[in-house]
Amino acid sequence: MSGGCFDYNQYKIGYIADEIENIIERNGREKTAEEIKHCFMPYNWYEEHPEERFWYKYPEEVINQFKIAVTMLRMSQVYAHRIDWLLSGDDGEQLFLKRLQEDLKKL
């Protein structure tokens, strides 16, 4: 495997972006039966607390900031990955610049 200068921690940046995207997707929607099943709440919890059947709803301006954060995190992951390969000797300077631009265009 290539890289390793940053101990492959750039993938953790992608994980954070994925988690924020999950929060955006769930924002205010009703939990599925599968999601409720994995909550391990006491018996009749949702009958007694029907409001808990829904994920927390963040205001639109907060969700918009989450979306900006996801974009910035994805870009950060690309930069960390490409720099990792450059510093590890997998890519030269010209290939670094070329691949960086290619990867950023894919976002």
PDB file of N, CA and C in Angstrom:
ATOM      1  N   MET A   1       0.849  -1.182   0.000  1.00  0.00           N
ATOM      2  CA  MET A   1       0.000   0.000   0.000  1.00  0.00           C
ATOM      3  C   MET A   1       0.887   1.234   0.000  1.00  0.00           C
ATOM      4  N   SER A   2       0.475   2.244  -0.701  1.00  0.00           N
ATOM      5  CA  SER A   2       1.250   3.477  -0.802  1.00  0.00           C
ATOM      6  C   SER A   2       0.942   4.420   0.346  1.00  0.00           C
ATOM      7  N   GLY A   3       1.782   5.417   0.479  1.00  0.00           N
ATOM      8  CA  GLY A   3       1.579   6.414   1.523  1.00  0.00           C
ATOM      9  C   GLY A   3       2.032   5.909   2.861  1.00  0.00           C
ATOM     10  N   GLY A   4       1.460   6.465   3.898  1.00  0.00           N
ATOM     11  CA  GLY A   4       1.781   6.046   5.252  1.00  0.00           C
ATOM     12  C   GLY A   4       2.458   7.116   6.076  1.00  0.00           C
ATOM     13  N   CYS A   5       2.817   8.207   5.450  1.00  0.00           N
ATOM     14  CA  CYS A   5       3.498   9.279   6.181  1.00  0.00           C
ATOM     15  C   CYS A   5       2.635   9.803   7.326  1.00  0.00           C
ATOM     16  N   PHE A   6       1.329   9.800   7.134  1.00  0.00           N
ATOM     17  CA  PHE A   6       0.390  10.265   8.164  1.00  0.00           C
ATOM     18  C   PHE A   6      -0.332   9.095   8.825  1.00  0.00           C
ATOM     19  N   ASP A   7       0.252   7.905   8.746  1.00  0.00           N
ATOM     20  CA  ASP A   7      -0.346   6.696   9.316  1.00  0.00           C
ATOM     21  C   ASP A   7      -1.766   6.455   8.789  1.00  0.00           C
ATOM     22  N   TYR A   8      -2.024   6.896   7.568  1.00  0.00           N
ATOM     23  CA  TYR A   8      -3.322   6.691   6.897  1.00  0.00           C
ATOM     24  C   TYR A   8      -4.484   7.371   7.631  1.00  0.00           C
ATOM     25  N   ASN A   9      -4.178   8.356   8.453  1.00  0.00           N
ATOM     26  CA  ASN A   9      -5.216   9.056   9.198  1.00  0.00           C
ATOM     27  C   ASN A   9      -6.101   9.935   8.330  1.00  0.00           C
ATOM     28  N   GLN A  10      -5.713  10.170   7.079  1.00  0.00           N
ATOM     29  CA  GLN A  10      -6.574  10.954   6.192  1.00  0.00           C
ATOM     30  C   GLN A  10      -7.928  10.282   6.004  1.00  0.00           C
ATOM     31  N   TYR A  11      -7.983   8.974   6.183  1.00  0.00           N
ATOM     32  CA  TYR A  11      -9.253   8.265   6.033  1.00  0.00           C
ATOM     33  C   TYR A  11     -10.205   8.587   7.188  1.00  0.00           C
ATOM     34  N   LYS A  12      -9.660   8.989   8.319  1.00  0.00           N
ATOM     35  CA  LYS A  12     -10.501   9.405   9.439  1.00  0.00           C
ATOM     36  C   LYS A  12     -11.247  10.692   9.099  1.00  0.00           C
ATOM     37  N   ILE A  13     -10.625  11.543   8.304  1.00  0.00           N
ATOM     38  CA  ILE A  13     -11.293  12.766   7.864  1.00  0.00           C
ATOM     39  C   ILE A  13     -12.525  12.399   7.041  1.00  0.00           C
ATOM     40  N   GLY A  14     -12.376  11.420   6.164  1.00  0.00           N
ATOM     41  CA  GLY A  14     -13.515  10.948   5.374  1.00  0.00           C
ATOM     42  C   GLY A  14     -14.600  10.348   6.236  1.00  0.00           C
ATOM     43  N   TYR A  15     -14.212   9.649   7.293  1.00  0.00           N
ATOM     44  CA  TYR A  15     -15.182   9.072   8.217  1.00  0.00           C
ATOM     45  C   TYR A  15     -15.995  10.170   8.895  1.00  0.00           C
ATOM     46  N   ILE A  16     -15.344  11.240   9.305  1.00  0.00           N
ATOM     47  CA  ILE A  16     -16.055  12.358   9.932  1.00  0.00           C
ATOM     48  C   ILE A  16     -17.048  12.955   8.934  1.00  0.00           C
ATOM     49  N   ALA A  17     -16.621  13.152   7.695  1.00  0.00           N
ATOM     50  CA  ALA A  17     -17.527  13.689   6.662  1.00  0.00           C
ATOM     51  C   ALA A  17     -18.719  12.760   6.458  1.00  0.00           C
ATOM     52  N   ASP A  18     -18.474  11.453   6.436  1.00  0.00           N
ATOM     53  CA  ASP A  18     -19.570  10.482   6.300  1.00  0.00           C
ATOM     54  C   ASP A  18     -20.566  10.602   7.445  1.00  0.00           C
ATOM     55  N   GLU A  19     -20.055  10.739   8.661  1.00  0.00           N
ATOM     56  CA  GLU A  19     -20.930  10.848   9.833  1.00  0.00           C
ATOM     57  C   GLU A  19     -21.782  12.115   9.778  1.00  0.00           C
ATOM     58  N   ILE A  20     -21.186  13.223   9.355  1.00  0.00           N
ATOM     59  CA  ILE A  20     -21.956  14.465   9.228  1.00  0.00           C
ATOM     60  C   ILE A  20     -23.017  14.317   8.140  1.00  0.00           C
ATOM     61  N   GLU A  21     -22.690  13.659   7.039  1.00  0.00           N
ATOM     62  CA  GLU A  21     -23.684  13.410   5.997  1.00  0.00           C
ATOM     63  C   GLU A  21     -24.842  12.567   6.528  1.00  0.00           C
ATOM     64  N   ASN A  22     -24.554  11.612   7.393  1.00  0.00           N
ATOM     65  CA  ASN A  22     -25.614  10.807   8.000  1.00  0.00           C
ATOM     66  C   ASN A  22     -26.532  11.672   8.858  1.00  0.00           C
ATOM     67  N   ILE A  23     -25.964  12.596   9.594  1.00  0.00           N
ATOM     68  CA  ILE A  23     -26.769  13.501  10.412  1.00  0.00           C
ATOM     69  C   ILE A  23     -27.654  14.370   9.524  1.00  0.00           C
ATOM     70  N   ILE A  24     -27.100  14.869   8.428  1.00  0.00           N
ATOM     71  CA  ILE A  24     -27.877  15.684   7.485  1.00  0.00           C
ATOM     72  C   ILE A  24     -29.039  14.871   6.934  1.00  0.00           C
ATOM     73  N   GLU A  25     -28.768  13.645   6.556  1.00  0.00           N
ATOM     74  CA  GLU A  25     -29.795  12.778   5.949  1.00  0.00           C
ATOM     75  C   GLU A  25     -30.904  12.447   6.943  1.00  0.00           C
ATOM     76  N   ARG A  26     -30.566  12.273   8.199  1.00  0.00           N
ATOM     77  CA  ARG A  26     -31.559  11.908   9.221  1.00  0.00           C
ATOM     78  C   ARG A  26     -32.309  13.106   9.770  1.00  0.00           C
ATOM     79  N   ASN A  27     -31.842  14.293   9.530  1.00  0.00           N
ATOM     80  CA  ASN A  27     -32.340  15.503  10.174  1.00  0.00           C
ATOM     81  C   ASN A  27     -33.868  15.571  10.244  1.00  0.00           C
ATOM     82  N   GLY A  28     -34.390  15.391  11.441  1.00  0.00           N
ATOM     83  CA  GLY A  28     -35.818  15.545  11.690  1.00  0.00           C
ATOM     84  C   GLY A  28     -36.715  14.434  11.191  1.00  0.00           C
ATOM     85  N   ARG A  29     -36.154  13.424  10.532  1.00  0.00           N
ATOM     86  CA  ARG A  29     -37.020  12.379   9.992  1.00  0.00           C
ATOM     87  C   ARG A  29     -37.336  11.329  11.050  1.00  0.00           C
ATOM     88  N   GLU A  30     -38.410  10.605  10.807  1.00  0.00           N
ATOM     89  CA  GLU A  30     -38.815   9.549  11.729  1.00  0.00           C
ATOM     90  C   GLU A  30     -37.828   8.385  11.648  1.00  0.00           C
ATOM     91  N   LYS A  31     -37.517   7.819  12.793  1.00  0.00           N
ATOM     92  CA  LYS A  31     -36.608   6.671  12.840  1.00  0.00           C
ATOM     93  C   LYS A  31     -37.293   5.457  12.218  1.00  0.00           C
ATOM     94  N   THR A  32     -36.515   4.666  11.507  1.00  0.00           N
ATOM     95  CA  THR A  32     -37.040   3.439  10.925  1.00  0.00           C
ATOM     96  C   THR A  32     -37.202   2.385  12.020  1.00  0.00           C
ATOM     97  N   ALA A  33     -37.937   1.339  11.712  1.00  0.00           N
ATOM     98  CA  ALA A  33     -38.109   0.239  12.665  1.00  0.00           C
ATOM     99  C   ALA A  33     -36.755  -0.361  13.040  1.00  0.00           C
ATOM    100  N   GLU A  34     -35.870  -0.453  12.079  1.00  0.00           N
ATOM    101  CA  GLU A  34     -34.526  -0.997  12.337  1.00  0.00           C
ATOM    102  C   GLU A  34     -33.736  -0.087  13.280  1.00  0.00           C
ATOM    103  N   GLU A  35     -33.838   1.218  13.068  1.00  0.00           N
ATOM    104  CA  GLU A  35     -33.132   2.162  13.944  1.00  0.00           C
ATOM    105  C   GLU A  35     -33.695   2.113  15.370  1.00  0.00           C
ATOM    106  N   ILE A  36     -34.999   1.996  15.476  1.00  0.00           N
ATOM    107  CA  ILE A  36     -35.623   1.906  16.796  1.00  0.00           C
ATOM    108  C   ILE A  36     -35.198   0.618  17.496  1.00  0.00           C
ATOM    109  N   LYS A  37     -35.138  -0.454  16.720  1.00  0.00           N
ATOM    110  CA  LYS A  37     -34.760  -1.761  17.272  1.00  0.00           C
ATOM    111  C   LYS A  37     -33.381  -1.730  17.923  1.00  0.00           C
ATOM    112  N   HIS A  38     -32.472  -0.928  17.359  1.00  0.00           N
ATOM    113  CA  HIS A  38     -31.098  -0.877  17.856  1.00  0.00           C
ATOM    114  C   HIS A  38     -30.879   0.191  18.926  1.00  0.00           C
ATOM    115  N   CYS A  39     -31.929   0.844  19.374  1.00  0.00           N
ATOM    116  CA  CYS A  39     -31.787   1.896  20.400  1.00  0.00           C
ATOM    117  C   CYS A  39     -31.749   1.349  21.816  1.00  0.00           C
ATOM    118  N   PHE A  40     -32.253   0.135  22.017  1.00  0.00           N
ATOM    119  CA  PHE A  40     -32.252  -0.505  23.334  1.00  0.00           C
ATOM    120  C   PHE A  40     -32.927   0.360  24.400  1.00  0.00           C
ATOM    121  N   MET A  41     -34.080   0.879  24.065  1.00  0.00           N
ATOM    122  CA  MET A  41     -34.856   1.676  25.014  1.00  0.00           C
ATOM    123  C   MET A  41     -35.780   0.749  25.803  1.00  0.00           C
ATOM    124  N   PRO A  42     -36.182   1.193  26.987  1.00  0.00           N
ATOM    125  CA  PRO A  42     -37.090   0.365  27.785  1.00  0.00           C
ATOM    126  C   PRO A  42     -38.399   0.089  27.044  1.00  0.00           C
ATOM    127  N   TYR A  43     -39.036  -0.990  27.432  1.00  0.00           N
ATOM    128  CA  TYR A  43     -40.315  -1.393  26.846  1.00  0.00           C
ATOM    129  C   TYR A  43     -41.300  -0.226  26.894  1.00  0.00           C
ATOM    130  N   ASN A  44     -42.045  -0.010  25.833  1.00  0.00           N
ATOM    131  CA  ASN A  44     -43.052   1.047  25.699  1.00  0.00           C
ATOM    132  C   ASN A  44     -42.471   2.461  25.721  1.00  0.00           C
ATOM    133  N   TRP A  45     -41.179   2.584  25.568  1.00  0.00           N
ATOM    134  CA  TRP A  45     -40.542   3.910  25.598  1.00  0.00           C
ATOM    135  C   TRP A  45     -41.149   4.838  24.557  1.00  0.00           C
ATOM    136  N   TYR A  46     -41.281   4.347  23.336  1.00  0.00           N
ATOM    137  CA  TYR A  46     -41.761   5.205  22.259  1.00  0.00           C
ATOM    138  C   TYR A  46     -43.256   5.495  22.356  1.00  0.00           C
ATOM    139  N   GLU A  47     -44.003   4.641  23.040  1.00  0.00           N
ATOM    140  CA  GLU A  47     -45.402   4.938  23.293  1.00  0.00           C
ATOM    141  C   GLU A  47     -45.525   6.062  24.323  1.00  0.00           C
ATOM    142  N   GLU A  48     -44.648   6.034  25.298  1.00  0.00           N
ATOM    143  CA  GLU A  48     -44.660   7.055  26.344  1.00  0.00           C
ATOM    144  C   GLU A  48     -43.965   8.352  25.906  1.00  0.00           C
ATOM    145  N   HIS A  49     -43.054   8.235  24.957  1.00  0.00           N
ATOM    146  CA  HIS A  49     -42.293   9.394  24.462  1.00  0.00           C
ATOM    147  C   HIS A  49     -42.309   9.407  22.933  1.00  0.00           C
ATOM    148  N   PRO A  50     -43.453   9.684  22.318  1.00  0.00           N
ATOM    149  CA  PRO A  50     -43.553   9.614  20.850  1.00  0.00           C
ATOM    150  C   PRO A  50     -42.621  10.586  20.125  1.00  0.00           C
ATOM    151  N   GLU A  51     -42.245  11.659  20.784  1.00  0.00           N
ATOM    152  CA  GLU A  51     -41.326  12.613  20.163  1.00  0.00           C
ATOM    153  C   GLU A  51     -39.954  11.987  19.903  1.00  0.00           C
ATOM    154  N   GLU A  52     -39.636  10.929  20.625  1.00  0.00           N
ATOM    155  CA  GLU A  52     -38.349  10.247  20.471  1.00  0.00           C
ATOM    156  C   GLU A  52     -38.289   9.370  19.218  1.00  0.00           C
ATOM    157  N   ARG A  53     -39.413   9.262  18.514  1.00  0.00           N
ATOM    158  CA  ARG A  53     -39.430   8.476  17.272  1.00  0.00           C
ATOM    159  C   ARG A  53     -38.757   9.224  16.120  1.00  0.00           C
ATOM    160  N   PHE A  54     -38.386  10.462  16.378  1.00  0.00           N
ATOM    161  CA  PHE A  54     -37.785  11.307  15.344  1.00  0.00           C
ATOM    162  C   PHE A  54     -36.361  11.678  15.735  1.00  0.00           C
ATOM    163  N   TRP A  55     -35.504  11.761  14.718  1.00  0.00           N
ATOM    164  CA  TRP A  55     -34.148  12.248  14.936  1.00  0.00           C
ATOM    165  C   TRP A  55     -34.224  13.739  15.242  1.00  0.00           C
ATOM    166  N   TYR A  56     -33.243  14.236  15.941  1.00  0.00           N
ATOM    167  CA  TYR A  56     -33.194  15.656  16.259  1.00  0.00           C
ATOM    168  C   TYR A  56     -33.230  16.468  14.967  1.00  0.00           C
ATOM    169  N   LYS A  57     -33.968  17.572  14.988  1.00  0.00           N
ATOM    170  CA  LYS A  57     -34.075  18.437  13.805  1.00  0.00           C
ATOM    171  C   LYS A  57     -33.268  19.701  14.029  1.00  0.00           C
ATOM    172  N   TYR A  58     -32.207  19.825  13.249  1.00  0.00           N
ATOM    173  CA  TYR A  58     -31.400  21.036  13.286  1.00  0.00           C
ATOM    174  C   TYR A  58     -32.007  22.067  12.350  1.00  0.00           C
ATOM    175  N   PRO A  59     -31.887  23.352  12.679  1.00  0.00           N
ATOM    176  CA  PRO A  59     -32.387  24.393  11.774  1.00  0.00           C
ATOM    177  C   PRO A  59     -31.639  24.358  10.435  1.00  0.00           C
ATOM    178  N   GLU A  60     -32.282  24.869   9.415  1.00  0.00           N
ATOM    179  CA  GLU A  60     -31.712  24.842   8.064  1.00  0.00           C
ATOM    180  C   GLU A  60     -30.348  25.529   8.005  1.00  0.00           C
ATOM    181  N   GLU A  61     -30.180  26.626   8.741  1.00  0.00           N
ATOM    182  CA  GLU A  61     -28.880  27.322   8.707  1.00  0.00           C
ATOM    183  C   GLU A  61     -27.766  26.466   9.306  1.00  0.00           C
ATOM    184  N   VAL A  62     -28.106  25.616  10.269  1.00  0.00           N
ATOM    185  CA  VAL A  62     -27.115  24.685  10.829  1.00  0.00           C
ATOM    186  C   VAL A  62     -26.803  23.594   9.803  1.00  0.00           C
ATOM    187  N   ILE A  63     -27.834  23.052   9.182  1.00  0.00           N
ATOM    188  CA  ILE A  63     -27.631  22.022   8.145  1.00  0.00           C
ATOM    189  C   ILE A  63     -26.777  22.575   7.012  1.00  0.00           C
ATOM    190  N   ASN A  64     -27.002  23.823   6.632  1.00  0.00           N
ATOM    191  CA  ASN A  64     -26.186  24.430   5.573  1.00  0.00           C
ATOM    192  C   ASN A  64     -24.712  24.482   5.978  1.00  0.00           C
ATOM    193  N   GLN A  65     -24.442  24.778   7.240  1.00  0.00           N
ATOM    194  CA  GLN A  65     -23.059  24.783   7.715  1.00  0.00           C
ATOM    195  C   GLN A  65     -22.475  23.370   7.747  1.00  0.00           C
ATOM    196  N   PHE A  66     -23.312  22.385   8.090  1.00  0.00           N
ATOM    197  CA  PHE A  66     -22.868  20.988   8.034  1.00  0.00           C
ATOM    198  C   PHE A  66     -22.453  20.624   6.606  1.00  0.00           C
ATOM    199  N   LYS A  67     -23.234  21.063   5.633  1.00  0.00           N
ATOM    200  CA  LYS A  67     -22.922  20.765   4.230  1.00  0.00           C
ATOM    201  C   LYS A  67     -21.601  21.398   3.812  1.00  0.00           C
ATOM    202  N   ILE A  68     -21.379  22.628   4.249  1.00  0.00           N
ATOM    203  CA  ILE A  68     -20.104  23.291   3.961  1.00  0.00           C
ATOM    204  C   ILE A  68     -18.954  22.519   4.615  1.00  0.00           C
ATOM    205  N   ALA A  69     -19.171  22.075   5.847  1.00  0.00           N
ATOM    206  CA  ALA A  69     -18.147  21.309   6.553  1.00  0.00           C
ATOM    207  C   ALA A  69     -17.812  20.024   5.811  1.00  0.00           C
ATOM    208  N   VAL A  70     -18.832  19.334   5.291  1.00  0.00           N
ATOM    209  CA  VAL A  70     -18.592  18.089   4.546  1.00  0.00           C
ATOM    210  C   VAL A  70     -17.712  18.380   3.333  1.00  0.00           C
ATOM    211  N   THR A  71     -18.014  19.446   2.610  1.00  0.00           N
ATOM    212  CA  THR A  71     -17.210  19.812   1.435  1.00  0.00           C
ATOM    213  C   THR A  71     -15.766  20.092   1.842  1.00  0.00           C
ATOM    214  N   MET A  72     -15.596  20.846   2.911  1.00  0.00           N
ATOM    215  CA  MET A  72     -14.237  21.193   3.355  1.00  0.00           C
ATOM    216  C   MET A  72     -13.486  19.961   3.851  1.00  0.00           C
ATOM    217  N   LEU A  73     -14.180  19.075   4.545  1.00  0.00           N
ATOM    218  CA  LEU A  73     -13.540  17.846   5.011  1.00  0.00           C
ATOM    219  C   LEU A  73     -13.123  16.954   3.848  1.00  0.00           C
ATOM    220  N   ARG A  74     -14.000  16.832   2.844  1.00  0.00           N
ATOM    221  CA  ARG A  74     -13.643  16.026   1.662  1.00  0.00           C
ATOM    222  C   ARG A  74     -12.405  16.611   0.976  1.00  0.00           C
ATOM    223  N   MET A  75     -12.362  17.933   0.869  1.00  0.00           N
ATOM    224  CA  MET A  75     -11.188  18.572   0.271  1.00  0.00           C
ATOM    225  C   MET A  75      -9.950  18.331   1.138  1.00  0.00           C
ATOM    226  N   SER A  76     -10.116  18.425   2.439  1.00  0.00           N
ATOM    227  CA  SER A  76      -8.994  18.193   3.355  1.00  0.00           C
ATOM    228  C   SER A  76      -8.464  16.770   3.230  1.00  0.00           C
ATOM    229  N   GLN A  77      -9.379  15.822   3.079  1.00  0.00           N
ATOM    230  CA  GLN A  77      -8.953  14.436   2.917  1.00  0.00           C
ATOM    231  C   GLN A  77      -8.131  14.276   1.640  1.00  0.00           C
ATOM    232  N   VAL A  78      -8.581  14.890   0.553  1.00  0.00           N
ATOM    233  CA  VAL A  78      -7.842  14.810  -0.712  1.00  0.00           C
ATOM    234  C   VAL A  78      -6.450  15.419  -0.536  1.00  0.00           C
ATOM    235  N   TYR A  79      -6.382  16.597   0.056  1.00  0.00           N
ATOM    236  CA  TYR A  79      -5.078  17.238   0.250  1.00  0.00           C
ATOM    237  C   TYR A  79      -4.155  16.371   1.108  1.00  0.00           C
ATOM    238  N   ALA A  80      -4.679  15.854   2.218  1.00  0.00           N
ATOM    239  CA  ALA A  80      -3.857  15.024   3.099  1.00  0.00           C
ATOM    240  C   ALA A  80      -3.370  13.776   2.363  1.00  0.00           C
ATOM    241  N   HIS A  81      -4.242  13.177   1.572  1.00  0.00           N
ATOM    242  CA  HIS A  81      -3.886  11.955   0.840  1.00  0.00           C
ATOM    243  C   HIS A  81      -2.799  12.232  -0.198  1.00  0.00           C
ATOM    244  N   ARG A  82      -2.993  13.284  -0.979  1.00  0.00           N
ATOM    245  CA  ARG A  82      -2.025  13.590  -2.033  1.00  0.00           C
ATOM    246  C   ARG A  82      -0.680  14.004  -1.429  1.00  0.00           C
ATOM    247  N   ILE A  83      -0.704  14.793  -0.352  1.00  0.00           N
ATOM    248  CA  ILE A  83       0.543  15.187   0.309  1.00  0.00           C
ATOM    249  C   ILE A  83       1.222  13.971   0.925  1.00  0.00           C
ATOM    250  N   ASP A  84       0.436  13.065   1.481  1.00  0.00           N
ATOM    251  CA  ASP A  84       0.974  11.823   2.034  1.00  0.00           C
ATOM    252  C   ASP A  84       1.771  11.074   0.977  1.00  0.00           C
ATOM    253  N   TRP A  85       1.185  10.932  -0.207  1.00  0.00           N
ATOM    254  CA  TRP A  85       1.873  10.200  -1.268  1.00  0.00           C
ATOM    255  C   TRP A  85       3.127  10.939  -1.743  1.00  0.00           C
ATOM    256  N   LEU A  86       3.084  12.268  -1.762  1.00  0.00           N
ATOM    257  CA  LEU A  86       4.253  13.042  -2.150  1.00  0.00           C
ATOM    258  C   LEU A  86       5.371  12.857  -1.118  1.00  0.00           C
ATOM    259  N   LEU A  87       5.034  13.016   0.160  1.00  0.00           N
ATOM    260  CA  LEU A  87       6.049  12.908   1.211  1.00  0.00           C
ATOM    261  C   LEU A  87       6.583  11.488   1.362  1.00  0.00           C
ATOM    262  N   SER A  88       5.771  10.517   1.009  1.00  0.00           N
ATOM    263  CA  SER A  88       6.192   9.117   1.109  1.00  0.00           C
ATOM    264  C   SER A  88       7.002   8.677  -0.099  1.00  0.00           C
ATOM    265  N   GLY A  89       7.113   9.538  -1.099  1.00  0.00           N
ATOM    266  CA  GLY A  89       7.903   9.216  -2.281  1.00  0.00           C
ATOM    267  C   GLY A  89       7.145   8.436  -3.345  1.00  0.00           C
ATOM    268  N   ASP A  90       5.837   8.265  -3.175  1.00  0.00           N
ATOM    269  CA  ASP A  90       5.048   7.553  -4.178  1.00  0.00           C
ATOM    270  C   ASP A  90       4.788   8.409  -5.412  1.00  0.00           C
ATOM    271  N   ASP A  91       4.661   9.721  -5.216  1.00  0.00           N
ATOM    272  CA  ASP A  91       4.447  10.661  -6.312  1.00  0.00           C
ATOM    273  C   ASP A  91       5.542  11.707  -6.282  1.00  0.00           C
ATOM    274  N   GLY A  92       5.956  12.153  -7.461  1.00  0.00           N
ATOM    275  CA  GLY A  92       6.846  13.302  -7.566  1.00  0.00           C
ATOM    276  C   GLY A  92       6.020  14.581  -7.504  1.00  0.00           C
ATOM    277  N   GLU A  93       6.703  15.702  -7.552  1.00  0.00           N
ATOM    278  CA  GLU A  93       6.009  16.981  -7.421  1.00  0.00           C
ATOM    279  C   GLU A  93       5.019  17.240  -8.545  1.00  0.00           C
ATOM    280  N   GLN A  94       5.390  16.932  -9.765  1.00  0.00           N
ATOM    281  CA  GLN A  94       4.482  17.177 -10.890  1.00  0.00           C
ATOM    282  C   GLN A  94       3.273  16.245 -10.850  1.00  0.00           C
ATOM    283  N   LEU A  95       3.508  14.968 -10.517  1.00  0.00           N
ATOM    284  CA  LEU A  95       2.403  14.024 -10.411  1.00  0.00           C
ATOM    285  C   LEU A  95       1.493  14.390  -9.242  1.00  0.00           C
ATOM    286  N   PHE A  96       2.094  14.883  -8.146  1.00  0.00           N
ATOM    287  CA  PHE A  96       1.304  15.364  -7.006  1.00  0.00           C
ATOM    288  C   PHE A  96       0.337  16.446  -7.458  1.00  0.00           C
ATOM    289  N   LEU A  97       0.848  17.437  -8.167  1.00  0.00           N
ATOM    290  CA  LEU A  97       0.002  18.545  -8.612  1.00  0.00           C
ATOM    291  C   LEU A  97      -1.086  18.067  -9.564  1.00  0.00           C
ATOM    292  N   LYS A  98      -0.725  17.171 -10.480  1.00  0.00           N
ATOM    293  CA  LYS A  98      -1.695  16.647 -11.434  1.00  0.00           C
ATOM    294  C   LYS A  98      -2.791  15.851 -10.726  1.00  0.00           C
ATOM    295  N   ARG A  99      -2.396  14.928  -9.860  1.00  0.00           N
ATOM    296  CA  ARG A  99      -3.382  14.092  -9.160  1.00  0.00           C
ATOM    297  C   ARG A  99      -4.231  14.908  -8.189  1.00  0.00           C
ATOM    298  N   LEU A 100      -3.626  15.904  -7.562  1.00  0.00           N
ATOM    299  CA  LEU A 100      -4.384  16.760  -6.665  1.00  0.00           C
ATOM    300  C   LEU A 100      -5.518  17.441  -7.423  1.00  0.00           C
ATOM    301  N   GLN A 101      -5.217  18.011  -8.557  1.00  0.00           N
ATOM    302  CA  GLN A 101      -6.254  18.678  -9.347  1.00  0.00           C
ATOM    303  C   GLN A 101      -7.318  17.694  -9.832  1.00  0.00           C
ATOM    304  N   GLU A 102      -6.891  16.512 -10.266  1.00  0.00           N
ATOM    305  CA  GLU A 102      -7.845  15.493 -10.710  1.00  0.00           C
ATOM    306  C   GLU A 102      -8.786  15.070  -9.574  1.00  0.00           C
ATOM    307  N   ASP A 103      -8.217  14.837  -8.397  1.00  0.00           N
ATOM    308  CA  ASP A 103      -9.025  14.403  -7.264  1.00  0.00           C
ATOM    309  C   ASP A 103      -9.986  15.494  -6.795  1.00  0.00           C
ATOM    310  N   LEU A 104      -9.522  16.737  -6.816  1.00  0.00           N
ATOM    311  CA  LEU A 104     -10.392  17.834  -6.405  1.00  0.00           C
ATOM    312  C   LEU A 104     -11.559  18.023  -7.387  1.00  0.00           C
ATOM    313  N   LYS A 105     -11.292  17.799  -8.667  1.00  0.00           N
ATOM    314  CA  LYS A 105     -12.362  17.923  -9.675  1.00  0.00           C
ATOM    315  C   LYS A 105     -13.439  16.860  -9.488  1.00  0.00           C
ATOM    316  N   LYS A 106     -13.074  15.710  -8.943  1.00  0.00           N
ATOM    317  CA  LYS A 106     -14.032  14.624  -8.723  1.00  0.00           C
ATOM    318  C   LYS A 106     -15.022  14.934  -7.598  1.00  0.00           C
ATOM    319  N   LEU A 107     -14.677  15.882  -6.740  1.00  0.00           N
ATOM    320  CA  LEU A 107     -15.550  16.165  -5.591  1.00  0.00           C
ATOM    321  C   LEU A 107     -16.856  16.763  -6.009  1.00  0.00           C
TER     322      LEU A 107
END
